[in-house]
């Protein structure tokens, strides 16, 4: 982390009035994702979290994204908190010009990262169901709301951050599947149904004493909610490849996520949403080995080859439902 970067952030917070002129705050870098600098800032009233978007993401590929996504993350946090309450962090301050904001800080002693829990074999199906319920509550609250839709005209950014690096990139790598993948990306891009998070991943979910907390809404968009269900579901299926000793527990968490989510779908037919989520999940599984943001925990050629082979088949077959997709995945794992 550049020293100048932390100084720039302190100066921006001071200039905006969030910090008193004479304050000498200490910023401590936090482990974060690939797209932002994230810090802990200790204040007299307690710690807060400061986040600033990066123009170039920390991945091997040359992947750039507009930094104004930081403002849309703030807007998502504000909108989603109205529907999910404490399951979403509170925004405390924003400097839109500097592409940074301040939000609630969660102590790691009381809020573990769901990805870390899953990696250690601590698989709580109840938490997975609660994640599904929480995401559905946000989707239900914002569905069909023209005022919310007007705040998130971010299809271009969603294209840059999700559809192009995931689905369209896979279409380039797998030209025999290009027709299906491009059509899926186009259909998703055209949807205008509700407020979408875009990165519902275990790395962005904390397991707190009162349930899950959802972070990192940099891909916020008013579009197809099936993408959120598919994105999280794909991670649970991939964990079953990565840690086969906990395969049954991961698949149980996948089922709990579906039940928790679909029980909250009241803005459209749950079956229609499920049918859209299944091919998206298959495409995202393929993208986690051949897209611009491969899953960091799939490292062996054997694991990557397994995911690639099964995901290709699922994309080609246009799996009709999330249950059918999980069944095919389980069958392939058992035959491995």
C-alpha atoms as a PDB file:
ATOM      1  CA  UNK A   1       0.000   0.000   0.000  1.00  0.00           C
ATOM      2  CA  UNK A   2       1.461   3.377  -0.994  1.00  0.00           C
ATOM      3  CA  UNK A   3       2.047   5.818   1.876  1.00  0.00           C
ATOM      4  CA  UNK A   4       0.794   8.571  -0.414  1.00  0.00           C
ATOM      5  CA  UNK A   5      -2.493   6.719  -0.824  1.00  0.00           C
ATOM      6  CA  UNK A   6      -3.228   6.714   2.894  1.00  0.00           C
ATOM      7  CA  UNK A   7      -2.238  10.375   3.143  1.00  0.00           C
ATOM      8  CA  UNK A   8      -4.552  11.252   0.269  1.00  0.00           C
ATOM      9  CA  UNK A   9      -7.417   9.557   2.055  1.00  0.00           C
ATOM     10  CA  UNK A  10      -6.720  11.319   5.350  1.00  0.00           C
ATOM     11  CA  UNK A  11      -6.562  14.674   3.583  1.00  0.00           C
ATOM     12  CA  UNK A  12      -9.854  13.991   1.796  1.00  0.00           C
ATOM     13  CA  UNK A  13     -11.568  13.054   5.069  1.00  0.00           C
ATOM     14  CA  UNK A  14     -10.189  16.152   6.754  1.00  0.00           C
ATOM     15  CA  UNK A  15     -11.139  18.461   3.882  1.00  0.00           C
ATOM     16  CA  UNK A  16     -14.670  17.083   3.886  1.00  0.00           C
ATOM     17  CA  UNK A  17     -15.101  17.714   7.584  1.00  0.00           C
ATOM     18  CA  UNK A  18     -15.292  14.073   8.639  1.00  0.00           C
ATOM     19  CA  UNK A  19     -12.032  14.500  10.571  1.00  0.00           C
ATOM     20  CA  UNK A  20     -11.236  17.520  12.758  1.00  0.00           C
ATOM     21  CA  UNK A  21      -8.457  19.749  11.363  1.00  0.00           C
ATOM     22  CA  UNK A  22      -5.936  18.759  14.037  1.00  0.00           C
ATOM     23  CA  UNK A  23      -6.670  15.042  14.079  1.00  0.00           C
ATOM     24  CA  UNK A  24      -3.815  12.653  13.380  1.00  0.00           C
ATOM     25  CA  UNK A  25      -5.680   9.464  12.506  1.00  0.00           C
ATOM     26  CA  UNK A  26      -4.100   6.114  11.810  1.00  0.00           C
ATOM     27  CA  UNK A  27      -5.312   4.077   8.859  1.00  0.00           C
ATOM     28  CA  UNK A  28      -4.651   0.359   8.958  1.00  0.00           C
ATOM     29  CA  UNK A  29      -5.069  -1.641   5.747  1.00  0.00           C
ATOM     30  CA  UNK A  30      -7.605  -4.444   5.916  1.00  0.00           C
ATOM     31  CA  UNK A  31      -7.613  -7.606   3.878  1.00  0.00           C
ATOM     32  CA  UNK A  32      -9.937  -6.868   1.011  1.00  0.00           C
ATOM     33  CA  UNK A  33     -10.875  -7.909  -2.458  1.00  0.00           C
ATOM     34  CA  UNK A  34      -9.371  -7.066  -5.789  1.00  0.00           C
ATOM     35  CA  UNK A  35     -11.141  -3.801  -6.493  1.00  0.00           C
ATOM     36  CA  UNK A  36     -10.608  -1.377  -3.590  1.00  0.00           C
ATOM     37  CA  UNK A  37      -8.321  -0.136  -0.845  1.00  0.00           C
ATOM     38  CA  UNK A  38      -9.978  -0.844   2.504  1.00  0.00           C
ATOM     39  CA  UNK A  39      -8.826   0.543   5.870  1.00  0.00           C
ATOM     40  CA  UNK A  40      -9.692   0.545   9.540  1.00  0.00           C
ATOM     41  CA  UNK A  41      -9.784   4.063  10.962  1.00  0.00           C
ATOM     42  CA  UNK A  42      -9.825   4.429  14.743  1.00  0.00           C
ATOM     43  CA  UNK A  43     -11.861   7.351  16.071  1.00  0.00           C
ATOM     44  CA  UNK A  44     -12.656   8.423  19.653  1.00  0.00           C
ATOM     45  CA  UNK A  45     -16.102   6.817  19.340  1.00  0.00           C
ATOM     46  CA  UNK A  46     -14.685   3.589  17.943  1.00  0.00           C
ATOM     47  CA  UNK A  47     -13.363   2.189  14.660  1.00  0.00           C
ATOM     48  CA  UNK A  48     -14.903   2.761  11.243  1.00  0.00           C
ATOM     49  CA  UNK A  49     -14.141   1.336   7.812  1.00  0.00           C
ATOM     50  CA  UNK A  50     -12.866   3.505   4.934  1.00  0.00           C
ATOM     51  CA  UNK A  51     -13.071   2.255   1.368  1.00  0.00           C
ATOM     52  CA  UNK A  52     -11.730   3.729  -1.869  1.00  0.00           C
ATOM     53  CA  UNK A  53     -12.281   2.245  -5.330  1.00  0.00           C
ATOM     54  CA  UNK A  54      -9.330   1.333  -7.567  1.00  0.00           C
ATOM     55  CA  UNK A  55      -9.272   2.052 -11.280  1.00  0.00           C
ATOM     56  CA  UNK A  56      -7.308  -1.141 -12.070  1.00  0.00           C
ATOM     57  CA  UNK A  57      -8.383  -4.285 -10.309  1.00  0.00           C
ATOM     58  CA  UNK A  58      -5.852  -6.571  -8.632  1.00  0.00           C
ATOM     59  CA  UNK A  59      -6.085  -9.526 -11.000  1.00  0.00           C
ATOM     60  CA  UNK A  60      -3.667 -11.027 -13.504  1.00  0.00           C
ATOM     61  CA  UNK A  61      -5.707  -9.795 -16.468  1.00  0.00           C
ATOM     62  CA  UNK A  62      -5.791  -6.130 -17.448  1.00  0.00           C
ATOM     63  CA  UNK A  63      -9.182  -5.376 -15.903  1.00  0.00           C
ATOM     64  CA  UNK A  64     -10.203  -1.762 -15.393  1.00  0.00           C
ATOM     65  CA  UNK A  65     -13.465  -0.334 -14.145  1.00  0.00           C
ATOM     66  CA  UNK A  66     -14.870   3.167 -13.571  1.00  0.00           C
ATOM     67  CA  UNK A  67     -14.152   4.430 -10.063  1.00  0.00           C
ATOM     68  CA  UNK A  68     -17.549   6.116  -9.835  1.00  0.00           C
ATOM     69  CA  UNK A  69     -18.840   2.682  -8.886  1.00  0.00           C
ATOM     70  CA  UNK A  70     -17.955   3.745  -5.345  1.00  0.00           C
ATOM     71  CA  UNK A  71     -20.905   6.143  -5.344  1.00  0.00           C
ATOM     72  CA  UNK A  72     -23.267   3.452  -6.543  1.00  0.00           C
ATOM     73  CA  UNK A  73     -22.063   1.185  -3.770  1.00  0.00           C
ATOM     74  CA  UNK A  74     -23.010   3.920  -1.304  1.00  0.00           C
ATOM     75  CA  UNK A  75     -26.405   4.227  -2.958  1.00  0.00           C
ATOM     76  CA  UNK A  76     -26.908   0.454  -2.769  1.00  0.00           C
ATOM     77  CA  UNK A  77     -26.005   0.406   0.929  1.00  0.00           C
ATOM     78  CA  UNK A  78     -28.511   3.156   1.665  1.00  0.00           C
ATOM     79  CA  UNK A  79     -31.279   1.577  -0.394  1.00  0.00           C
ATOM     80  CA  UNK A  80     -30.698  -1.998   0.792  1.00  0.00           C
ATOM     81  CA  UNK A  81     -30.493  -1.049   4.464  1.00  0.00           C
ATOM     82  CA  UNK A  82     -34.102   0.099   4.244  1.00  0.00           C
ATOM     83  CA  UNK A  83     -35.102  -3.478   3.390  1.00  0.00           C
ATOM     84  CA  UNK A  84     -32.516  -5.588   5.261  1.00  0.00           C
ATOM     85  CA  UNK A  85     -31.716  -3.403   8.278  1.00  0.00           C
ATOM     86  CA  UNK A  86     -28.575  -4.331  10.217  1.00  0.00           C
ATOM     87  CA  UNK A  87     -27.657  -6.949   7.619  1.00  0.00           C
ATOM     88  CA  UNK A  88     -26.258  -4.033   5.587  1.00  0.00           C
ATOM     89  CA  UNK A  89     -23.566  -1.589   6.830  1.00  0.00           C
ATOM     90  CA  UNK A  90     -24.467   2.013   7.601  1.00  0.00           C
ATOM     91  CA  UNK A  91     -22.871   4.706   5.457  1.00  0.00           C
ATOM     92  CA  UNK A  92     -21.312   7.383   7.696  1.00  0.00           C
ATOM     93  CA  UNK A  93     -19.704   9.688   5.127  1.00  0.00           C
ATOM     94  CA  UNK A  94     -19.042   9.916   1.399  1.00  0.00           C
ATOM     95  CA  UNK A  95     -16.614  11.941  -0.694  1.00  0.00           C
ATOM     96  CA  UNK A  96     -17.949  11.259  -4.149  1.00  0.00           C
ATOM     97  CA  UNK A  97     -15.211  13.256  -5.885  1.00  0.00           C
ATOM     98  CA  UNK A  98     -12.510  11.191  -4.174  1.00  0.00           C
ATOM     99  CA  UNK A  99     -14.376   7.917  -4.796  1.00  0.00           C
ATOM    100  CA  UNK A 100     -14.302   6.979  -1.130  1.00  0.00           C
ATOM    101  CA  UNK A 101     -16.712   6.518   1.735  1.00  0.00           C
ATOM    102  CA  UNK A 102     -16.847   5.571   5.401  1.00  0.00           C
ATOM    103  CA  UNK A 103     -19.115   2.873   6.807  1.00  0.00           C
ATOM    104  CA  UNK A 104     -19.662   0.650   9.836  1.00  0.00           C
ATOM    105  CA  UNK A 105     -16.720  -1.440  11.039  1.00  0.00           C
ATOM    106  CA  UNK A 106     -17.281  -5.048  12.092  1.00  0.00           C
ATOM    107  CA  UNK A 107     -14.923  -6.618  14.609  1.00  0.00           C
ATOM    108  CA  UNK A 108     -13.415  -9.860  13.273  1.00  0.00           C
ATOM    109  CA  UNK A 109     -13.709 -11.272  16.803  1.00  0.00           C
ATOM    110  CA  UNK A 110     -17.501 -11.264  16.453  1.00  0.00           C
ATOM    111  CA  UNK A 111     -17.958 -11.272  12.671  1.00  0.00           C
ATOM    112  CA  UNK A 112     -16.146 -14.008  10.779  1.00  0.00           C
ATOM    113  CA  UNK A 113     -15.869 -14.021   6.992  1.00  0.00           C
ATOM    114  CA  UNK A 114     -18.170 -16.689   5.582  1.00  0.00           C
ATOM    115  CA  UNK A 115     -15.536 -17.754   3.053  1.00  0.00           C
ATOM    116  CA  UNK A 116     -13.093 -18.494   5.879  1.00  0.00           C
ATOM    117  CA  UNK A 117     -15.751 -20.443   7.778  1.00  0.00           C
ATOM    118  CA  UNK A 118     -16.542 -22.518   4.703  1.00  0.00           C
ATOM    119  CA  UNK A 119     -12.860 -23.184   4.004  1.00  0.00           C
ATOM    120  CA  UNK A 120     -12.413 -24.470   7.550  1.00  0.00           C
ATOM    121  CA  UNK A 121     -15.357 -26.818   7.228  1.00  0.00           C
ATOM    122  CA  UNK A 122     -17.623 -24.723   9.446  1.00  0.00           C
ATOM    123  CA  UNK A 123     -20.651 -24.994   7.182  1.00  0.00           C
ATOM    124  CA  UNK A 124     -23.807 -23.529   8.694  1.00  0.00           C
ATOM    125  CA  UNK A 125     -26.818 -24.286   6.528  1.00  0.00           C
ATOM    126  CA  UNK A 126     -28.858 -21.932   8.699  1.00  0.00           C
ATOM    127  CA  UNK A 127     -26.594 -19.059   7.727  1.00  0.00           C
ATOM    128  CA  UNK A 128     -26.916 -19.985   4.048  1.00  0.00           C
ATOM    129  CA  UNK A 129     -30.694 -19.877   4.395  1.00  0.00           C
ATOM    130  CA  UNK A 130     -30.472 -16.515   6.143  1.00  0.00           C
ATOM    131  CA  UNK A 131     -28.315 -15.171   3.302  1.00  0.00           C
ATOM    132  CA  UNK A 132     -30.976 -16.286   0.838  1.00  0.00           C
ATOM    133  CA  UNK A 133     -33.716 -14.625   2.880  1.00  0.00           C
ATOM    134  CA  UNK A 134     -31.717 -11.397   3.217  1.00  0.00           C
ATOM    135  CA  UNK A 135     -30.974 -11.108  -0.500  1.00  0.00           C
ATOM    136  CA  UNK A 136     -34.596 -11.869  -1.342  1.00  0.00           C
ATOM    137  CA  UNK A 137     -35.775  -9.192   1.115  1.00  0.00           C
ATOM    138  CA  UNK A 138     -33.676  -6.589  -0.718  1.00  0.00           C
ATOM    139  CA  UNK A 139     -34.894  -7.781  -4.098  1.00  0.00           C
ATOM    140  CA  UNK A 140     -38.514  -7.805  -2.954  1.00  0.00           C
ATOM    141  CA  UNK A 141     -38.258  -4.340  -1.424  1.00  0.00           C
ATOM    142  CA  UNK A 142     -36.874  -2.707  -4.554  1.00  0.00           C
ATOM    143  CA  UNK A 143     -38.730  -4.690  -7.226  1.00  0.00           C
ATOM    144  CA  UNK A 144     -40.679  -2.547  -9.645  1.00  0.00           C
ATOM    145  CA  UNK A 145     -39.707   0.696  -7.887  1.00  0.00           C
ATOM    146  CA  UNK A 146     -39.091   3.391 -10.516  1.00  0.00           C
ATOM    147  CA  UNK A 147     -37.362   5.685  -8.012  1.00  0.00           C
ATOM    148  CA  UNK A 148     -34.804   3.009  -7.112  1.00  0.00           C
ATOM    149  CA  UNK A 149     -34.397   2.078 -10.765  1.00  0.00           C
ATOM    150  CA  UNK A 150     -33.620   5.706 -11.612  1.00  0.00           C
ATOM    151  CA  UNK A 151     -30.766   5.737  -9.075  1.00  0.00           C
ATOM    152  CA  UNK A 152     -29.055   2.715 -10.621  1.00  0.00           C
ATOM    153  CA  UNK A 153     -28.690   3.242 -14.340  1.00  0.00           C
ATOM    154  CA  UNK A 154     -25.463   1.295 -14.191  1.00  0.00           C
ATOM    155  CA  UNK A 155     -25.828  -1.322 -16.905  1.00  0.00           C
ATOM    156  CA  UNK A 156     -22.560  -0.134 -18.455  1.00  0.00           C
ATOM    157  CA  UNK A 157     -20.661  -0.714 -15.236  1.00  0.00           C
ATOM    158  CA  UNK A 158     -22.357  -4.062 -14.666  1.00  0.00           C
ATOM    159  CA  UNK A 159     -21.254  -5.002 -18.159  1.00  0.00           C
ATOM    160  CA  UNK A 160     -17.655  -3.993 -17.356  1.00  0.00           C
ATOM    161  CA  UNK A 161     -17.559  -5.705 -13.964  1.00  0.00           C
ATOM    162  CA  UNK A 162     -19.657  -8.815 -14.512  1.00  0.00           C
ATOM    163  CA  UNK A 163     -21.026  -9.647 -17.941  1.00  0.00           C
ATOM    164  CA  UNK A 164     -17.907  -8.916 -20.010  1.00  0.00           C
ATOM    165  CA  UNK A 165     -15.261 -10.455 -17.707  1.00  0.00           C
ATOM    166  CA  UNK A 166     -17.404 -13.472 -16.838  1.00  0.00           C
ATOM    167  CA  UNK A 167     -19.891 -14.500 -19.531  1.00  0.00           C
ATOM    168  CA  UNK A 168     -18.542 -12.748 -22.617  1.00  0.00           C
ATOM    169  CA  UNK A 169     -14.956 -13.689 -21.794  1.00  0.00           C
ATOM    170  CA  UNK A 170     -16.024 -17.342 -21.597  1.00  0.00           C
ATOM    171  CA  UNK A 171     -17.704 -16.971 -24.973  1.00  0.00           C
ATOM    172  CA  UNK A 172     -14.306 -16.017 -26.404  1.00  0.00           C
ATOM    173  CA  UNK A 173     -12.499 -18.889 -24.687  1.00  0.00           C
ATOM    174  CA  UNK A 174     -15.186 -21.433 -25.661  1.00  0.00           C
ATOM    175  CA  UNK A 175     -16.366 -20.425 -29.145  1.00  0.00           C
ATOM    176  CA  UNK A 176     -18.520 -23.546 -29.484  1.00  0.00           C
ATOM    177  CA  UNK A 177     -20.614 -22.226 -26.565  1.00  0.00           C
ATOM    178  CA  UNK A 178     -20.487 -18.620 -27.712  1.00  0.00           C
ATOM    179  CA  UNK A 179     -24.073 -18.475 -28.946  1.00  0.00           C
ATOM    180  CA  UNK A 180     -25.515 -19.598 -25.623  1.00  0.00           C
ATOM    181  CA  UNK A 181     -23.195 -17.463 -23.481  1.00  0.00           C
ATOM    182  CA  UNK A 182     -23.653 -14.266 -25.490  1.00  0.00           C
ATOM    183  CA  UNK A 183     -27.431 -14.713 -25.570  1.00  0.00           C
ATOM    184  CA  UNK A 184     -27.412 -15.250 -21.795  1.00  0.00           C
ATOM    185  CA  UNK A 185     -25.327 -12.118 -21.273  1.00  0.00           C
ATOM    186  CA  UNK A 186     -27.593 -10.087 -23.566  1.00  0.00           C
ATOM    187  CA  UNK A 187     -30.761 -11.321 -21.853  1.00  0.00           C
ATOM    188  CA  UNK A 188     -29.346 -10.485 -18.443  1.00  0.00           C
ATOM    189  CA  UNK A 189     -28.184  -7.044 -19.542  1.00  0.00           C
ATOM    190  CA  UNK A 190     -31.653  -6.203 -20.821  1.00  0.00           C
ATOM    191  CA  UNK A 191     -33.491  -7.063 -17.583  1.00  0.00           C
ATOM    192  CA  UNK A 192     -34.903  -4.295 -15.375  1.00  0.00           C
ATOM    193  CA  UNK A 193     -36.522  -6.059 -12.424  1.00  0.00           C
ATOM    194  CA  UNK A 194     -34.984  -4.994  -9.114  1.00  0.00           C
ATOM    195  CA  UNK A 195     -31.891  -3.843  -7.234  1.00  0.00           C
ATOM    196  CA  UNK A 196     -29.007  -6.265  -7.725  1.00  0.00           C
ATOM    197  CA  UNK A 197     -25.875  -6.488  -5.563  1.00  0.00           C
ATOM    198  CA  UNK A 198     -23.761  -8.241  -8.185  1.00  0.00           C
ATOM    199  CA  UNK A 199     -21.152  -9.829  -5.896  1.00  0.00           C
ATOM    200  CA  UNK A 200     -23.014 -12.004  -3.383  1.00  0.00           C
ATOM    201  CA  UNK A 201     -19.969 -14.091  -2.557  1.00  0.00           C
ATOM    202  CA  UNK A 202     -18.900 -15.753   0.727  1.00  0.00           C
ATOM    203  CA  UNK A 203     -15.895 -13.409   0.806  1.00  0.00           C
ATOM    204  CA  UNK A 204     -18.317 -10.473   1.024  1.00  0.00           C
ATOM    205  CA  UNK A 205     -20.538 -11.935   3.739  1.00  0.00           C
ATOM    206  CA  UNK A 206     -19.825 -11.735   7.455  1.00  0.00           C
ATOM    207  CA  UNK A 207     -21.258 -14.206   9.943  1.00  0.00           C
ATOM    208  CA  UNK A 208     -22.257 -12.063  12.890  1.00  0.00           C
ATOM    209  CA  UNK A 209     -24.083 -12.759  16.145  1.00  0.00           C
ATOM    210  CA  UNK A 210     -27.367 -11.586  14.600  1.00  0.00           C
ATOM    211  CA  UNK A 211     -26.946 -13.235  11.210  1.00  0.00           C
ATOM    212  CA  UNK A 212     -25.251 -12.358   7.924  1.00  0.00           C
ATOM    213  CA  UNK A 213     -23.917  -8.935   6.932  1.00  0.00           C
ATOM    214  CA  UNK A 214     -23.523  -8.235   3.213  1.00  0.00           C
ATOM    215  CA  UNK A 215     -20.630  -6.034   2.043  1.00  0.00           C
ATOM    216  CA  UNK A 216     -19.027  -4.828  -1.204  1.00  0.00           C
ATOM    217  CA  UNK A 217     -21.800  -3.672  -3.508  1.00  0.00           C
ATOM    218  CA  UNK A 218     -19.514  -2.186  -6.169  1.00  0.00           C
ATOM    219  CA  UNK A 219     -21.464  -3.936  -8.940  1.00  0.00           C
ATOM    220  CA  UNK A 220     -24.823  -2.430  -7.892  1.00  0.00           C
ATOM    221  CA  UNK A 221     -27.352  -2.424 -10.712  1.00  0.00           C
ATOM    222  CA  UNK A 222     -31.079  -2.412 -11.356  1.00  0.00           C
ATOM    223  CA  UNK A 223     -31.493  -5.596 -13.316  1.00  0.00           C
ATOM    224  CA  UNK A 224     -32.004  -9.343 -12.985  1.00  0.00           C
ATOM    225  CA  UNK A 225     -32.078 -10.689  -9.396  1.00  0.00           C
ATOM    226  CA  UNK A 226     -31.327 -14.175 -10.722  1.00  0.00           C
ATOM    227  CA  UNK A 227     -27.715 -13.056 -11.058  1.00  0.00           C
ATOM    228  CA  UNK A 228     -27.314 -12.637  -7.281  1.00  0.00           C
ATOM    229  CA  UNK A 229     -28.725 -16.089  -6.574  1.00  0.00           C
ATOM    230  CA  UNK A 230     -26.563 -17.646  -9.279  1.00  0.00           C
ATOM    231  CA  UNK A 231     -23.363 -15.919  -8.180  1.00  0.00           C
ATOM    232  CA  UNK A 232     -23.602 -17.101  -4.572  1.00  0.00           C
ATOM    233  CA  UNK A 233     -24.811 -20.574  -5.539  1.00  0.00           C
ATOM    234  CA  UNK A 234     -21.828 -21.100  -7.832  1.00  0.00           C
ATOM    235  CA  UNK A 235     -19.435 -20.450  -4.957  1.00  0.00           C
ATOM    236  CA  UNK A 236     -21.050 -23.136  -2.800  1.00  0.00           C
ATOM    237  CA  UNK A 237     -20.800 -25.665  -5.623  1.00  0.00           C
ATOM    238  CA  UNK A 238     -17.145 -24.780  -6.209  1.00  0.00           C
ATOM    239  CA  UNK A 239     -16.361 -25.277  -2.521  1.00  0.00           C
ATOM    240  CA  UNK A 240     -17.480 -28.900  -2.921  1.00  0.00           C
ATOM    241  CA  UNK A 241     -14.706 -29.347  -5.498  1.00  0.00           C
ATOM    242  CA  UNK A 242     -12.102 -27.536  -3.403  1.00  0.00           C
ATOM    243  CA  UNK A 243     -12.827 -29.302  -0.089  1.00  0.00           C
ATOM    244  CA  UNK A 244     -14.341 -32.707  -0.935  1.00  0.00           C
ATOM    245  CA  UNK A 245     -14.381 -33.792   2.719  1.00  0.00           C
ATOM    246  CA  UNK A 246     -17.176 -31.272   3.312  1.00  0.00           C
ATOM    247  CA  UNK A 247     -19.003 -31.900   0.050  1.00  0.00           C
ATOM    248  CA  UNK A 248     -22.292 -32.942   1.627  1.00  0.00           C
ATOM    249  CA  UNK A 249     -22.323 -29.895   3.900  1.00  0.00           C
ATOM    250  CA  UNK A 250     -21.649 -27.497   1.020  1.00  0.00           C
ATOM    251  CA  UNK A 251     -24.431 -29.047  -1.043  1.00  0.00           C
ATOM    252  CA  UNK A 252     -26.714 -28.782   1.983  1.00  0.00           C
ATOM    253  CA  UNK A 253     -25.859 -25.096   2.269  1.00  0.00           C
ATOM    254  CA  UNK A 254     -26.625 -24.687  -1.442  1.00  0.00           C
ATOM    255  CA  UNK A 255     -30.068 -26.211  -0.911  1.00  0.00           C
ATOM    256  CA  UNK A 256     -30.681 -23.986   2.132  1.00  0.00           C
ATOM    257  CA  UNK A 257     -29.727 -20.906   0.126  1.00  0.00           C
ATOM    258  CA  UNK A 258     -32.273 -21.824  -2.558  1.00  0.00           C
ATOM    259  CA  UNK A 259     -35.042 -22.426  -0.026  1.00  0.00           C
ATOM    260  CA  UNK A 260     -34.330 -19.236   1.900  1.00  0.00           C
ATOM    261  CA  UNK A 261     -34.216 -17.150  -1.243  1.00  0.00           C
ATOM    262  CA  UNK A 262     -37.104 -18.605  -3.245  1.00  0.00           C
ATOM    263  CA  UNK A 263     -39.419 -18.410  -0.221  1.00  0.00           C
ATOM    264  CA  UNK A 264     -39.039 -14.627  -0.383  1.00  0.00           C
ATOM    265  CA  UNK A 265     -39.697 -14.199  -4.103  1.00  0.00           C
ATOM    266  CA  UNK A 266     -43.023 -12.370  -4.372  1.00  0.00           C
ATOM    267  CA  UNK A 267     -42.434 -10.020  -7.310  1.00  0.00           C
ATOM    268  CA  UNK A 268     -42.523 -12.765  -9.950  1.00  0.00           C
ATOM    269  CA  UNK A 269     -42.970 -16.516 -10.198  1.00  0.00           C
ATOM    270  CA  UNK A 270     -40.250 -18.278  -8.140  1.00  0.00           C
ATOM    271  CA  UNK A 271     -40.121 -20.908 -10.875  1.00  0.00           C
ATOM    272  CA  UNK A 272     -39.388 -18.306 -13.552  1.00  0.00           C
ATOM    273  CA  UNK A 273     -36.562 -16.828 -11.520  1.00  0.00           C
ATOM    274  CA  UNK A 274     -35.171 -20.288 -10.743  1.00  0.00           C
ATOM    275  CA  UNK A 275     -35.179 -21.106 -14.454  1.00  0.00           C
ATOM    276  CA  UNK A 276     -33.136 -17.977 -15.230  1.00  0.00           C
ATOM    277  CA  UNK A 277     -30.716 -18.573 -12.353  1.00  0.00           C
ATOM    278  CA  UNK A 278     -29.758 -22.107 -13.455  1.00  0.00           C
ATOM    279  CA  UNK A 279     -28.053 -21.224 -16.791  1.00  0.00           C
ATOM    280  CA  UNK A 280     -26.452 -18.191 -15.159  1.00  0.00           C
ATOM    281  CA  UNK A 281     -24.994 -20.433 -12.444  1.00  0.00           C
ATOM    282  CA  UNK A 282     -23.590 -22.804 -15.049  1.00  0.00           C
ATOM    283  CA  UNK A 283     -21.986 -19.921 -16.941  1.00  0.00           C
ATOM    284  CA  UNK A 284     -20.528 -18.443 -13.753  1.00  0.00           C
ATOM    285  CA  UNK A 285     -19.054 -21.828 -12.822  1.00  0.00           C
ATOM    286  CA  UNK A 286     -17.267 -21.856 -16.172  1.00  0.00           C
ATOM    287  CA  UNK A 287     -16.154 -18.266 -15.683  1.00  0.00           C
ATOM    288  CA  UNK A 288     -14.505 -19.110 -12.365  1.00  0.00           C
ATOM    289  CA  UNK A 289     -11.886 -21.045 -14.311  1.00  0.00           C
ATOM    290  CA  UNK A 290     -11.844 -19.298 -17.694  1.00  0.00           C
ATOM    291  CA  UNK A 291     -13.059 -15.766 -16.998  1.00  0.00           C
ATOM    292  CA  UNK A 292     -11.049 -12.720 -16.002  1.00  0.00           C
ATOM    293  CA  UNK A 293     -11.578 -13.396 -12.286  1.00  0.00           C
ATOM    294  CA  UNK A 294     -10.877 -17.090 -11.672  1.00  0.00           C
ATOM    295  CA  UNK A 295     -11.632 -18.471  -8.213  1.00  0.00           C
ATOM    296  CA  UNK A 296      -8.422 -18.154  -6.228  1.00  0.00           C
ATOM    297  CA  UNK A 297      -8.942 -21.424  -4.376  1.00  0.00           C
ATOM    298  CA  UNK A 298      -9.183 -23.577  -7.502  1.00  0.00           C
ATOM    299  CA  UNK A 299      -5.482 -24.069  -8.141  1.00  0.00           C
ATOM    300  CA  UNK A 300      -4.837 -27.624  -9.323  1.00  0.00           C
ATOM    301  CA  UNK A 301      -5.191 -28.629 -12.974  1.00  0.00           C
ATOM    302  CA  UNK A 302      -7.440 -31.479 -11.863  1.00  0.00           C
ATOM    303  CA  UNK A 303      -9.894 -29.173 -10.055  1.00  0.00           C
ATOM    304  CA  UNK A 304      -9.942 -26.655 -12.876  1.00  0.00           C
ATOM    305  CA  UNK A 305     -10.412 -29.379 -15.464  1.00  0.00           C
ATOM    306  CA  UNK A 306     -13.296 -30.883 -13.507  1.00  0.00           C
ATOM    307  CA  UNK A 307     -15.094 -27.555 -13.166  1.00  0.00           C
ATOM    308  CA  UNK A 308     -14.480 -26.702 -16.807  1.00  0.00           C
ATOM    309  CA  UNK A 309     -15.769 -30.016 -18.074  1.00  0.00           C
ATOM    310  CA  UNK A 310     -18.928 -30.158 -15.967  1.00  0.00           C
ATOM    311  CA  UNK A 311     -19.726 -26.466 -16.428  1.00  0.00           C
ATOM    312  CA  UNK A 312     -19.335 -26.737 -20.195  1.00  0.00           C
ATOM    313  CA  UNK A 313     -21.831 -29.593 -20.229  1.00  0.00           C
ATOM    314  CA  UNK A 314     -24.283 -27.670 -18.055  1.00  0.00           C
ATOM    315  CA  UNK A 315     -24.053 -24.598 -20.297  1.00  0.00           C
ATOM    316  CA  UNK A 316     -24.558 -26.701 -23.425  1.00  0.00           C
ATOM    317  CA  UNK A 317     -27.546 -28.539 -21.952  1.00  0.00           C
ATOM    318  CA  UNK A 318     -29.251 -25.402 -20.619  1.00  0.00           C
ATOM    319  CA  UNK A 319     -29.980 -26.929 -17.207  1.00  0.00           C
ATOM    320  CA  UNK A 320     -33.638 -26.132 -16.411  1.00  0.00           C
ATOM    321  CA  UNK A 321     -33.538 -25.504 -12.660  1.00  0.00           C
ATOM    322  CA  UNK A 322     -31.234 -24.909  -9.719  1.00  0.00           C
ATOM    323  CA  UNK A 323     -32.180 -28.297  -8.241  1.00  0.00           C
ATOM    324  CA  UNK A 324     -31.365 -30.081 -11.506  1.00  0.00           C
ATOM    325  CA  UNK A 325     -28.056 -28.254 -11.708  1.00  0.00           C
ATOM    326  CA  UNK A 326     -27.104 -29.279  -8.165  1.00  0.00           C
ATOM    327  CA  UNK A 327     -28.094 -32.852  -8.927  1.00  0.00           C
ATOM    328  CA  UNK A 328     -25.844 -32.947 -11.989  1.00  0.00           C
ATOM    329  CA  UNK A 329     -22.990 -31.397 -10.006  1.00  0.00           C
ATOM    330  CA  UNK A 330     -23.370 -33.940  -7.199  1.00  0.00           C
ATOM    331  CA  UNK A 331     -23.476 -36.827  -9.651  1.00  0.00           C
ATOM    332  CA  UNK A 332     -20.283 -35.603 -11.326  1.00  0.00           C
ATOM    333  CA  UNK A 333     -18.539 -35.213  -7.960  1.00  0.00           C
ATOM    334  CA  UNK A 334     -19.485 -38.726  -6.922  1.00  0.00           C
ATOM    335  CA  UNK A 335     -18.192 -40.129 -10.206  1.00  0.00           C
ATOM    336  CA  UNK A 336     -14.922 -38.222  -9.986  1.00  0.00           C
END
